[in-house]
C-alpha cells in the first residue's frame, strides 16, 4: 500500500533534524520503500511517497523521529487503481 507522508518541522530546530539525518540516515525499516521525497521551499515540511505492506513499519519509523517531527500519514491509490476498483460500480 502507498502513503503520502507529511513531515512537519514547524516548532522544532530544523538543524537538529538534518544533523540526525546526516548522522543516522532516514532511520526507516528496510522494508519501507521511499519512492520520492520533496521539501517545501521554506523547509517547513517534507512530503514523501512511501510504500509498505505493513502499517506497523510506518509506526516504527515515526517513533524514531517523534521527538523532532510531527507526521501526517495518508493512504493513497493511483487514479488507475481507483478506476479499476470502482469499475463495477460506475
PDB file of N, CA and C in Angstrom:
ATOM      1  N   UNK A   1       0.839  -1.166   0.000  1.00  0.00           N
ATOM      2  CA  UNK A   1       0.000   0.000   0.000  1.00  0.00           C
ATOM      3  C   UNK A   1       0.891   1.239   0.000  1.00  0.00           C
ATOM      4  N   UNK A   2       0.412   2.291  -0.679  1.00  0.00           N
ATOM      5  CA  UNK A   2       1.181   3.528  -0.755  1.00  0.00           C
ATOM      6  C   UNK A   2       0.588   4.592   0.168  1.00  0.00           C
ATOM      7  N   UNK A   3       1.474   5.449   0.656  1.00  0.00           N
ATOM      8  CA  UNK A   3       1.089   6.506   1.577  1.00  0.00           C
ATOM      9  C   UNK A   3       1.803   7.795   1.197  1.00  0.00           C
ATOM     10  N   UNK A   4       1.108   8.908   1.361  1.00  0.00           N
ATOM     11  CA  UNK A   4       1.765  10.200   1.366  1.00  0.00           C
ATOM     12  C   UNK A   4       2.060  10.496   2.831  1.00  0.00           C
ATOM     13  N   UNK A   5       3.311  10.769   3.130  1.00  0.00           N
ATOM     14  CA  UNK A   5       3.720  11.108   4.485  1.00  0.00           C
ATOM     15  C   UNK A   5       4.145  12.571   4.471  1.00  0.00           C
ATOM     16  N   UNK A   6       3.560  13.344   5.365  1.00  0.00           N
ATOM     17  CA  UNK A   6       3.938  14.751   5.502  1.00  0.00           C
ATOM     18  C   UNK A   6       4.650  14.894   6.839  1.00  0.00           C
ATOM     19  N   UNK A   7       5.912  15.279   6.765  1.00  0.00           N
ATOM     20  CA  UNK A   7       6.690  15.551   7.967  1.00  0.00           C
ATOM     21  C   UNK A   7       6.645  17.056   8.193  1.00  0.00           C
ATOM     22  N   UNK A   8       6.150  17.469   9.332  1.00  0.00           N
ATOM     23  CA  UNK A   8       6.013  18.889   9.652  1.00  0.00           C
ATOM     24  C   UNK A   8       7.113  19.275  10.632  1.00  0.00           C
ATOM     25  N   UNK A   9       7.945  20.232  10.225  1.00  0.00           N
ATOM     26  CA  UNK A   9       9.081  20.660  11.030  1.00  0.00           C
ATOM     27  C   UNK A   9       8.788  21.932  11.824  1.00  0.00           C
ATOM     28  N   UNK A  10       7.550  22.409  11.793  1.00  0.00           N
ATOM     29  CA  UNK A  10       7.173  23.630  12.489  1.00  0.00           C
ATOM     30  C   UNK A  10       7.412  23.465  13.991  1.00  0.00           C
ATOM     31  N   UNK A  11       8.001  24.465  14.587  1.00  0.00           N
ATOM     32  CA  UNK A  11       8.188  24.440  16.033  1.00  0.00           C
ATOM     33  C   UNK A  11       9.370  23.627  16.507  1.00  0.00           C
ATOM     34  N   UNK A  12      10.236  23.213  15.615  1.00  0.00           N
ATOM     35  CA  UNK A  12      11.418  22.467  16.044  1.00  0.00           C
ATOM     36  C   UNK A  12      12.647  23.034  15.345  1.00  0.00           C
ATOM     37  N   UNK A  13      13.800  22.682  15.866  1.00  0.00           N
ATOM     38  CA  UNK A  13      15.050  23.152  15.279  1.00  0.00           C
ATOM     39  C   UNK A  13      15.380  22.278  14.066  1.00  0.00           C
ATOM     40  N   UNK A  14      15.254  22.855  12.903  1.00  0.00           N
ATOM     41  CA  UNK A  14      15.492  22.078  11.671  1.00  0.00           C
ATOM     42  C   UNK A  14      16.926  21.581  11.577  1.00  0.00           C
ATOM     43  N   UNK A  15      17.851  22.301  12.193  1.00  0.00           N
ATOM     44  CA  UNK A  15      19.243  21.843  12.187  1.00  0.00           C
ATOM     45  C   UNK A  15      19.363  20.501  12.899  1.00  0.00           C
ATOM     46  N   UNK A  16      18.601  20.306  13.980  1.00  0.00           N
ATOM     47  CA  UNK A  16      18.615  19.016  14.680  1.00  0.00           C
ATOM     48  C   UNK A  16      18.121  17.895  13.786  1.00  0.00           C
ATOM     49  N   UNK A  17      17.103  18.183  12.994  1.00  0.00           N
ATOM     50  CA  UNK A  17      16.562  17.174  12.077  1.00  0.00           C
ATOM     51  C   UNK A  17      17.618  16.785  11.044  1.00  0.00           C
ATOM     52  N   UNK A  18      18.233  17.769  10.423  1.00  0.00           N
ATOM     53  CA  UNK A  18      19.205  17.478   9.376  1.00  0.00           C
ATOM     54  C   UNK A  18      20.493  16.872   9.930  1.00  0.00           C
ATOM     55  N   UNK A  19      20.842  17.205  11.157  1.00  0.00           N
ATOM     56  CA  UNK A  19      22.004  16.550  11.786  1.00  0.00           C
ATOM     57  C   UNK A  19      21.721  15.056  11.993  1.00  0.00           C
ATOM     58  N   UNK A  20      20.524  14.744  12.518  1.00  0.00           N
ATOM     59  CA  UNK A  20      20.184  13.335  12.727  1.00  0.00           C
ATOM     60  C   UNK A  20      20.149  12.592  11.395  1.00  0.00           C
ATOM     61  N   UNK A  21      19.555  13.219  10.392  1.00  0.00           N
ATOM     62  CA  UNK A  21      19.502  12.591   9.064  1.00  0.00           C
ATOM     63  C   UNK A  21      20.911  12.362   8.537  1.00  0.00           C
ATOM     64  N   UNK A  22      21.778  13.360   8.686  1.00  0.00           N
ATOM     65  CA  UNK A  22      23.167  13.218   8.224  1.00  0.00           C
ATOM     66  C   UNK A  22      23.893  12.108   8.975  1.00  0.00           C
ATOM     67  N   UNK A  23      23.721  12.056  10.286  1.00  0.00           N
ATOM     68  CA  UNK A  23      24.475  11.130  11.120  1.00  0.00           C
ATOM     69  C   UNK A  23      23.907   9.712  11.144  1.00  0.00           C
ATOM     70  N   UNK A  24      22.568   9.581  11.020  1.00  0.00           N
ATOM     71  CA  UNK A  24      21.949   8.270  11.209  1.00  0.00           C
ATOM     72  C   UNK A  24      21.080   7.814  10.048  1.00  0.00           C
ATOM     73  N   UNK A  25      20.931   8.670   9.032  1.00  0.00           N
ATOM     74  CA  UNK A  25      20.107   8.306   7.887  1.00  0.00           C
ATOM     75  C   UNK A  25      18.636   8.496   8.167  1.00  0.00           C
ATOM     76  N   UNK A  26      17.805   7.895   7.329  1.00  0.00           N
ATOM     77  CA  UNK A  26      16.355   8.076   7.416  1.00  0.00           C
ATOM     78  C   UNK A  26      15.741   7.306   8.594  1.00  0.00           C
ATOM     79  N   UNK A  27      16.461   6.337   9.144  1.00  0.00           N
ATOM     80  CA  UNK A  27      16.014   5.554  10.298  1.00  0.00           C
ATOM     81  C   UNK A  27      14.717   4.787  10.042  1.00  0.00           C
ATOM     82  N   UNK A  28      14.500   4.392   8.813  1.00  0.00           N
ATOM     83  CA  UNK A  28      13.286   3.658   8.469  1.00  0.00           C
ATOM     84  C   UNK A  28      13.583   2.169   8.407  1.00  0.00           C
ATOM     85  N   UNK A  29      12.572   1.351   8.658  1.00  0.00           N
ATOM     86  CA  UNK A  29      12.752  -0.085   8.448  1.00  0.00           C
ATOM     87  C   UNK A  29      13.100  -0.359   6.982  1.00  0.00           C
ATOM     88  N   UNK A  30      13.920  -1.328   6.751  1.00  0.00           N
ATOM     89  CA  UNK A  30      14.382  -1.648   5.394  1.00  0.00           C
ATOM     90  C   UNK A  30      13.226  -1.945   4.440  1.00  0.00           C
ATOM     91  N   UNK A  31      12.161  -2.556   4.962  1.00  0.00           N
ATOM     92  CA  UNK A  31      11.024  -2.948   4.126  1.00  0.00           C
ATOM     93  C   UNK A  31      10.148  -1.773   3.713  1.00  0.00           C
ATOM     94  N   UNK A  32      10.340  -0.628   4.307  1.00  0.00           N
ATOM     95  CA  UNK A  32       9.586   0.580   3.958  1.00  0.00           C
ATOM     96  C   UNK A  32      10.301   1.261   2.798  1.00  0.00           C
ATOM     97  N   UNK A  33       9.631   1.352   1.660  1.00  0.00           N
ATOM     98  CA  UNK A  33      10.236   1.900   0.442  1.00  0.00           C
ATOM     99  C   UNK A  33       9.830   3.367   0.295  1.00  0.00           C
ATOM    100  N   UNK A  34      10.821   4.240   0.160  1.00  0.00           N
ATOM    101  CA  UNK A  34      10.568   5.658  -0.120  1.00  0.00           C
ATOM    102  C   UNK A  34      10.760   5.850  -1.620  1.00  0.00           C
ATOM    103  N   UNK A  35       9.673   6.155  -2.330  1.00  0.00           N
ATOM    104  CA  UNK A  35       9.748   6.334  -3.774  1.00  0.00           C
ATOM    105  C   UNK A  35      10.241   7.733  -4.147  1.00  0.00           C
ATOM    106  N   UNK A  36       9.740   8.737  -3.468  1.00  0.00           N
ATOM    107  CA  UNK A  36      10.118  10.122  -3.756  1.00  0.00           C
ATOM    108  C   UNK A  36       9.982  10.943  -2.486  1.00  0.00           C
ATOM    109  N   UNK A  37      10.737  12.022  -2.408  1.00  0.00           N
ATOM    110  CA  UNK A  37      10.524  12.983  -1.326  1.00  0.00           C
ATOM    111  C   UNK A  37      10.788  14.384  -1.855  1.00  0.00           C
ATOM    112  N   UNK A  38      10.042  15.329  -1.306  1.00  0.00           N
ATOM    113  CA  UNK A  38      10.152  16.727  -1.697  1.00  0.00           C
ATOM    114  C   UNK A  38      10.160  17.576  -0.440  1.00  0.00           C
ATOM    115  N   UNK A  39      10.925  18.647  -0.446  1.00  0.00           N
ATOM    116  CA  UNK A  39      10.983  19.589   0.674  1.00  0.00           C
ATOM    117  C   UNK A  39      10.297  20.882   0.238  1.00  0.00           C
ATOM    118  N   UNK A  40       9.433  21.420   1.095  1.00  0.00           N
ATOM    119  CA  UNK A  40       8.793  22.706   0.804  1.00  0.00           C
ATOM    120  C   UNK A  40       9.869  23.781   0.679  1.00  0.00           C
ATOM    121  N   UNK A  41       9.590  24.789  -0.135  1.00  0.00           N
ATOM    122  CA  UNK A  41      10.572  25.848  -0.396  1.00  0.00           C
ATOM    123  C   UNK A  41      11.037  26.535   0.887  1.00  0.00           C
ATOM    124  N   UNK A  42      10.150  26.648   1.872  1.00  0.00           N
ATOM    125  CA  UNK A  42      10.533  27.293   3.127  1.00  0.00           C
ATOM    126  C   UNK A  42      11.117  26.298   4.142  1.00  0.00           C
ATOM    127  N   UNK A  43      11.310  25.065   3.724  1.00  0.00           N
ATOM    128  CA  UNK A  43      11.886  23.985   4.534  1.00  0.00           C
ATOM    129  C   UNK A  43      11.052  23.659   5.774  1.00  0.00           C
ATOM    130  N   UNK A  44       9.761  23.978   5.742  1.00  0.00           N
ATOM    131  CA  UNK A  44       8.902  23.723   6.896  1.00  0.00           C
ATOM    132  C   UNK A  44       8.326  22.312   6.916  1.00  0.00           C
ATOM    133  N   UNK A  45       8.298  21.663   5.741  1.00  0.00           N
ATOM    134  CA  UNK A  45       7.717  20.329   5.643  1.00  0.00           C
ATOM    135  C   UNK A  45       8.434  19.509   4.589  1.00  0.00           C
ATOM    136  N   UNK A  46       8.312  18.206   4.736  1.00  0.00           N
ATOM    137  CA  UNK A  46       8.802  17.258   3.746  1.00  0.00           C
ATOM    138  C   UNK A  46       7.622  16.379   3.352  1.00  0.00           C
ATOM    139  N   UNK A  47       7.495  16.117   2.062  1.00  0.00           N
ATOM    140  CA  UNK A  47       6.424  15.287   1.521  1.00  0.00           C
ATOM    141  C   UNK A  47       7.065  14.041   0.911  1.00  0.00           C
ATOM    142  N   UNK A  48       6.595  12.877   1.302  1.00  0.00           N
ATOM    143  CA  UNK A  48       7.176  11.630   0.820  1.00  0.00           C
ATOM    144  C   UNK A  48       6.099  10.709   0.277  1.00  0.00           C
ATOM    145  N   UNK A  49       6.440   9.972  -0.764  1.00  0.00           N
ATOM    146  CA  UNK A  49       5.604   8.881  -1.247  1.00  0.00           C
ATOM    147  C   UNK A  49       6.299   7.598  -0.818  1.00  0.00           C
ATOM    148  N   UNK A  50       5.649   6.843   0.075  1.00  0.00           N
ATOM    149  CA  UNK A  50       6.250   5.623   0.599  1.00  0.00           C
ATOM    150  C   UNK A  50       5.331   4.441   0.329  1.00  0.00           C
ATOM    151  N   UNK A  51       5.919   3.258   0.389  1.00  0.00           N
ATOM    152  CA  UNK A  51       5.150   2.036   0.158  1.00  0.00           C
ATOM    153  C   UNK A  51       5.560   0.988   1.177  1.00  0.00           C
ATOM    154  N   UNK A  52       4.565   0.298   1.710  1.00  0.00           N
ATOM    155  CA  UNK A  52       4.819  -0.778   2.659  1.00  0.00           C
ATOM    156  C   UNK A  52       3.605  -1.704   2.716  1.00  0.00           C
ATOM    157  N   UNK A  53       3.844  -2.932   3.082  1.00  0.00           N
ATOM    158  CA  UNK A  53       2.745  -3.890   3.262  1.00  0.00           C
ATOM    159  C   UNK A  53       2.203  -3.849   4.685  1.00  0.00           C
ATOM    160  N   UNK A  54       2.964  -3.247   5.599  1.00  0.00           N
ATOM    161  CA  UNK A  54       2.538  -3.233   6.992  1.00  0.00           C
ATOM    162  C   UNK A  54       2.565  -1.850   7.597  1.00  0.00           C
ATOM    163  N   UNK A  55       1.429  -1.399   8.094  1.00  0.00           N
ATOM    164  CA  UNK A  55       1.356  -0.070   8.694  1.00  0.00           C
ATOM    165  C   UNK A  55       2.241   0.020   9.935  1.00  0.00           C
ATOM    166  N   UNK A  56       2.519  -1.104  10.580  1.00  0.00           N
ATOM    167  CA  UNK A  56       3.395  -1.057  11.753  1.00  0.00           C
ATOM    168  C   UNK A  56       4.808  -0.628  11.386  1.00  0.00           C
ATOM    169  N   UNK A  57       5.212  -0.854  10.136  1.00  0.00           N
ATOM    170  CA  UNK A  57       6.525  -0.356   9.696  1.00  0.00           C
ATOM    171  C   UNK A  57       6.549   1.165   9.700  1.00  0.00           C
ATOM    172  N   UNK A  58       5.442   1.776   9.299  1.00  0.00           N
ATOM    173  CA  UNK A  58       5.340   3.239   9.375  1.00  0.00           C
ATOM    174  C   UNK A  58       5.421   3.696  10.823  1.00  0.00           C
ATOM    175  N   UNK A  59       4.764   2.994  11.710  1.00  0.00           N
ATOM    176  CA  UNK A  59       4.776   3.357  13.122  1.00  0.00           C
ATOM    177  C   UNK A  59       6.174   3.236  13.719  1.00  0.00           C
ATOM    178  N   UNK A  60       6.917   2.207  13.321  1.00  0.00           N
ATOM    179  CA  UNK A  60       8.300   2.054  13.791  1.00  0.00           C
ATOM    180  C   UNK A  60       9.166   3.216  13.322  1.00  0.00           C
ATOM    181  N   UNK A  61       8.922   3.673  12.099  1.00  0.00           N
ATOM    182  CA  UNK A  61       9.683   4.797  11.543  1.00  0.00           C
ATOM    183  C   UNK A  61       9.335   6.094  12.271  1.00  0.00           C
ATOM    184  N   UNK A  62       8.054   6.336  12.467  1.00  0.00           N
ATOM    185  CA  UNK A  62       7.596   7.556  13.130  1.00  0.00           C
ATOM    186  C   UNK A  62       8.188   7.680  14.531  1.00  0.00           C
ATOM    187  N   UNK A  63       8.269   6.582  15.253  1.00  0.00           N
ATOM    188  CA  UNK A  63       8.766   6.627  16.630  1.00  0.00           C
ATOM    189  C   UNK A  63      10.228   7.087  16.689  1.00  0.00           C
ATOM    190  N   UNK A  64      10.980   6.829  15.621  1.00  0.00           N
ATOM    191  CA  UNK A  64      12.383   7.262  15.567  1.00  0.00           C
ATOM    192  C   UNK A  64      12.534   8.782  15.469  1.00  0.00           C
ATOM    193  N   UNK A  65      11.476   9.451  14.998  1.00  0.00           N
ATOM    194  CA  UNK A  65      11.536  10.895  14.746  1.00  0.00           C
ATOM    195  C   UNK A  65      10.538  11.698  15.582  1.00  0.00           C
ATOM    196  N   UNK A  66       9.732  11.027  16.379  1.00  0.00           N
ATOM    197  CA  UNK A  66       8.627  11.683  17.070  1.00  0.00           C
ATOM    198  C   UNK A  66       9.070  12.824  17.987  1.00  0.00           C
ATOM    199  N   UNK A  67      10.310  12.808  18.433  1.00  0.00           N
ATOM    200  CA  UNK A  67      10.786  13.891  19.301  1.00  0.00           C
ATOM    201  C   UNK A  67      11.099  15.165  18.529  1.00  0.00           C
ATOM    202  N   UNK A  68      11.207  15.071  17.201  1.00  0.00           N
ATOM    203  CA  UNK A  68      11.582  16.226  16.382  1.00  0.00           C
ATOM    204  C   UNK A  68      10.556  16.616  15.325  1.00  0.00           C
ATOM    205  N   UNK A  69       9.732  15.664  14.881  1.00  0.00           N
ATOM    206  CA  UNK A  69       8.892  15.865  13.702  1.00  0.00           C
ATOM    207  C   UNK A  69       7.458  15.429  14.000  1.00  0.00           C
ATOM    208  N   UNK A  70       6.495  16.189  13.479  1.00  0.00           N
ATOM    209  CA  UNK A  70       5.084  15.775  13.506  1.00  0.00           C
ATOM    210  C   UNK A  70       4.776  15.111  12.166  1.00  0.00           C
ATOM    211  N   UNK A  71       4.037  14.011  12.193  1.00  0.00           N
ATOM    212  CA  UNK A  71       3.736  13.257  10.979  1.00  0.00           C
ATOM    213  C   UNK A  71       2.244  13.272  10.670  1.00  0.00           C
ATOM    214  N   UNK A  72       1.938  13.353   9.389  1.00  0.00           N
ATOM    215  CA  UNK A  72       0.597  13.071   8.888  1.00  0.00           C
ATOM    216  C   UNK A  72       0.771  11.982   7.841  1.00  0.00           C
ATOM    217  N   UNK A  73       0.005  10.909   7.956  1.00  0.00           N
ATOM    218  CA  UNK A  73       0.142   9.756   7.055  1.00  0.00           C
ATOM    219  C   UNK A  73      -1.205   9.523   6.379  1.00  0.00           C
ATOM    220  N   UNK A  74      -1.193   9.551   5.035  1.00  0.00           N
ATOM    221  CA  UNK A  74      -2.419   9.457   4.257  1.00  0.00           C
ATOM    222  C   UNK A  74      -2.306   8.270   3.292  1.00  0.00           C
ATOM    223  N   UNK A  75      -3.155   7.241   3.454  1.00  0.00           N
ATOM    224  CA  UNK A  75      -3.148   6.150   2.478  1.00  0.00           C
ATOM    225  C   UNK A  75      -3.656   6.666   1.136  1.00  0.00           C
ATOM    226  N   UNK A  76      -2.996   6.278   0.051  1.00  0.00           N
ATOM    227  CA  UNK A  76      -3.383   6.736  -1.279  1.00  0.00           C
ATOM    228  C   UNK A  76      -3.381   5.578  -2.271  1.00  0.00           C
ATOM    229  N   UNK A  77      -4.093   5.798  -3.378  1.00  0.00           N
ATOM    230  CA  UNK A  77      -4.108   4.866  -4.503  1.00  0.00           C
ATOM    231  C   UNK A  77      -3.942   5.695  -5.770  1.00  0.00           C
ATOM    232  N   UNK A  78      -3.382   5.095  -6.794  1.00  0.00           N
ATOM    233  CA  UNK A  78      -3.265   5.804  -8.060  1.00  0.00           C
ATOM    234  C   UNK A  78      -4.655   5.956  -8.672  1.00  0.00           C
ATOM    235  N   UNK A  79      -4.788   6.893  -9.585  1.00  0.00           N
ATOM    236  CA  UNK A  79      -6.062   7.076 -10.291  1.00  0.00           C
ATOM    237  C   UNK A  79      -6.448   5.804 -11.031  1.00  0.00           C
ATOM    238  N   UNK A  80      -5.473   5.171 -11.655  1.00  0.00           N
ATOM    239  CA  UNK A  80      -5.729   3.935 -12.402  1.00  0.00           C
ATOM    240  C   UNK A  80      -6.255   2.844 -11.469  1.00  0.00           C
ATOM    241  N   UNK A  81      -5.658   2.704 -10.298  1.00  0.00           N
ATOM    242  CA  UNK A  81      -6.123   1.707  -9.333  1.00  0.00           C
ATOM    243  C   UNK A  81      -7.551   2.008  -8.863  1.00  0.00           C
ATOM    244  N   UNK A  82      -7.842   3.276  -8.648  1.00  0.00           N
ATOM    245  CA  UNK A  82      -9.183   3.661  -8.177  1.00  0.00           C
ATOM    246  C   UNK A  82     -10.227   3.411  -9.241  1.00  0.00           C
ATOM    247  N   UNK A  83      -9.930   3.726 -10.505  1.00  0.00           N
ATOM    248  CA  UNK A  83     -10.867   3.472 -11.604  1.00  0.00           C
ATOM    249  C   UNK A  83     -11.139   1.974 -11.702  1.00  0.00           C
ATOM    250  N   UNK A  84     -10.093   1.157 -11.594  1.00  0.00           N
ATOM    251  CA  UNK A  84     -10.283  -0.285 -11.666  1.00  0.00           C
ATOM    252  C   UNK A  84     -11.129  -0.786 -10.489  1.00  0.00           C
ATOM    253  N   UNK A  85     -10.885  -0.245  -9.302  1.00  0.00           N
ATOM    254  CA  UNK A  85     -11.639  -0.676  -8.128  1.00  0.00           C
ATOM    255  C   UNK A  85     -13.110  -0.291  -8.223  1.00  0.00           C
ATOM    256  N   UNK A  86     -13.407   0.837  -8.875  1.00  0.00           N
ATOM    257  CA  UNK A  86     -14.780   1.324  -8.966  1.00  0.00           C
ATOM    258  C   UNK A  86     -15.479   0.912 -10.251  1.00  0.00           C
ATOM    259  N   UNK A  87     -14.787   0.237 -11.150  1.00  0.00           N
ATOM    260  CA  UNK A  87     -15.333  -0.021 -12.484  1.00  0.00           C
ATOM    261  C   UNK A  87     -16.677  -0.749 -12.445  1.00  0.00           C
ATOM    262  N   UNK A  88     -16.888  -1.628 -11.512  1.00  0.00           N
ATOM    263  CA  UNK A  88     -18.145  -2.358 -11.434  1.00  0.00           C
ATOM    264  C   UNK A  88     -19.268  -1.552 -10.794  1.00  0.00           C
ATOM    265  N   UNK A  89     -18.953  -0.381 -10.290  1.00  0.00           N
ATOM    266  CA  UNK A  89     -19.945   0.440  -9.582  1.00  0.00           C
ATOM    267  C   UNK A  89     -20.308   1.725 -10.320  1.00  0.00           C
ATOM    268  N   UNK A  90     -19.742   1.911 -11.508  1.00  0.00           N
ATOM    269  CA  UNK A  90     -19.988   3.154 -12.238  1.00  0.00           C
ATOM    270  C   UNK A  90     -21.019   2.957 -13.326  1.00  0.00           C
TER     271      UNK A  90
END
